[in-house]
Amino acid sequence: MYRGLEGWNAVKSFFDLDQVQAVRLFAEHSYEVTEGEAAARAVAARIRQVIVALDTAVQERQDR
């Protein structure tokens, strides 16, 4: 629960994601490996990909 929201709505609100982003990052079916260290590493790698893409977009706007 986050700010009175539950489930995917809480995830989307907390991380400021849309539905597609939330599912891609956090839904079990979005990954081949779903347990253990390998799964944790896969989630972390995908989060880093999203952050880098957003950071690049922010940097490009600031450079203008």
Protein backbone atom coordinates (compact mmCIF):
# COMPACT_ATOMS: atom_id res chain seq x y z
CA MET A 1 0.00 0.00 0.00
CA TYR A 2 1.27 3.47 -0.91
CA ARG A 3 -0.73 6.64 -0.30
CA GLY A 4 -3.91 4.63 -0.07
CA LEU A 5 -3.20 2.76 -3.31
CA GLU A 6 -2.65 -0.97 -3.63
CA GLY A 7 -1.16 -3.33 -6.18
CA TRP A 8 -0.13 -2.00 -9.56
CA ASN A 9 -1.61 1.43 -8.81
CA ALA A 10 0.71 1.74 -5.80
CA VAL A 11 3.70 0.59 -7.86
CA LYS A 12 2.93 3.06 -10.65
CA SER A 13 2.44 5.94 -8.25
CA PHE A 14 5.51 5.22 -6.10
CA PHE A 15 7.87 4.84 -9.06
CA ASP A 16 6.08 7.34 -11.35
CA LEU A 17 5.59 4.70 -14.05
CA ASP A 18 2.86 4.01 -16.56
CA GLN A 19 1.23 0.57 -16.78
CA VAL A 20 3.54 -0.74 -19.50
CA GLN A 21 6.67 0.35 -17.63
CA ALA A 22 5.46 -1.12 -14.34
CA VAL A 23 4.67 -4.48 -15.88
CA ARG A 24 7.93 -4.60 -17.85
CA LEU A 25 9.95 -3.88 -14.71
CA PHE A 26 8.09 -5.80 -12.03
CA ALA A 27 5.77 -8.46 -13.46
CA GLU A 28 7.08 -11.98 -13.01
CA HIS A 29 6.03 -12.97 -16.54
CA SER A 30 8.31 -10.26 -17.94
CA TYR A 31 11.40 -12.29 -17.04
CA GLU A 32 12.77 -15.69 -18.04
CA VAL A 33 14.25 -16.32 -14.58
CA THR A 34 11.95 -15.58 -11.66
CA GLU A 35 13.78 -16.85 -8.59
CA GLY A 36 17.04 -16.31 -6.80
CA GLU A 37 20.05 -14.14 -7.46
CA ALA A 38 19.73 -14.38 -11.24
CA ALA A 39 16.21 -12.98 -11.08
CA ALA A 40 17.30 -10.12 -8.83
CA ARG A 41 20.11 -9.28 -11.23
CA ALA A 42 17.73 -9.32 -14.19
CA VAL A 43 15.36 -6.89 -12.48
CA ALA A 44 18.24 -4.60 -11.46
CA ALA A 45 19.65 -4.61 -14.99
CA ARG A 46 16.29 -3.68 -16.46
CA ILE A 47 15.83 -0.87 -13.92
CA ARG A 48 19.26 0.49 -14.86
CA GLN A 49 18.26 0.43 -18.55
CA VAL A 50 15.17 2.51 -17.79
CA ILE A 51 17.12 4.98 -15.66
CA VAL A 52 19.83 5.44 -18.29
CA ALA A 53 17.22 6.12 -20.97
CA LEU A 54 15.49 8.68 -18.76
CA ASP A 55 18.78 10.26 -17.70
CA THR A 56 19.85 10.61 -21.33
CA ALA A 57 16.54 12.31 -22.19
CA VAL A 58 16.94 14.71 -19.26
CA GLN A 59 20.55 15.50 -20.22
CA GLU A 60 19.52 16.21 -23.82
CA ARG A 61 16.83 18.67 -22.67
CA GLN A 62 19.27 20.44 -20.35
CA ASP A 63 21.86 20.78 -23.12
CA ARG A 64 19.47 22.77 -25.30
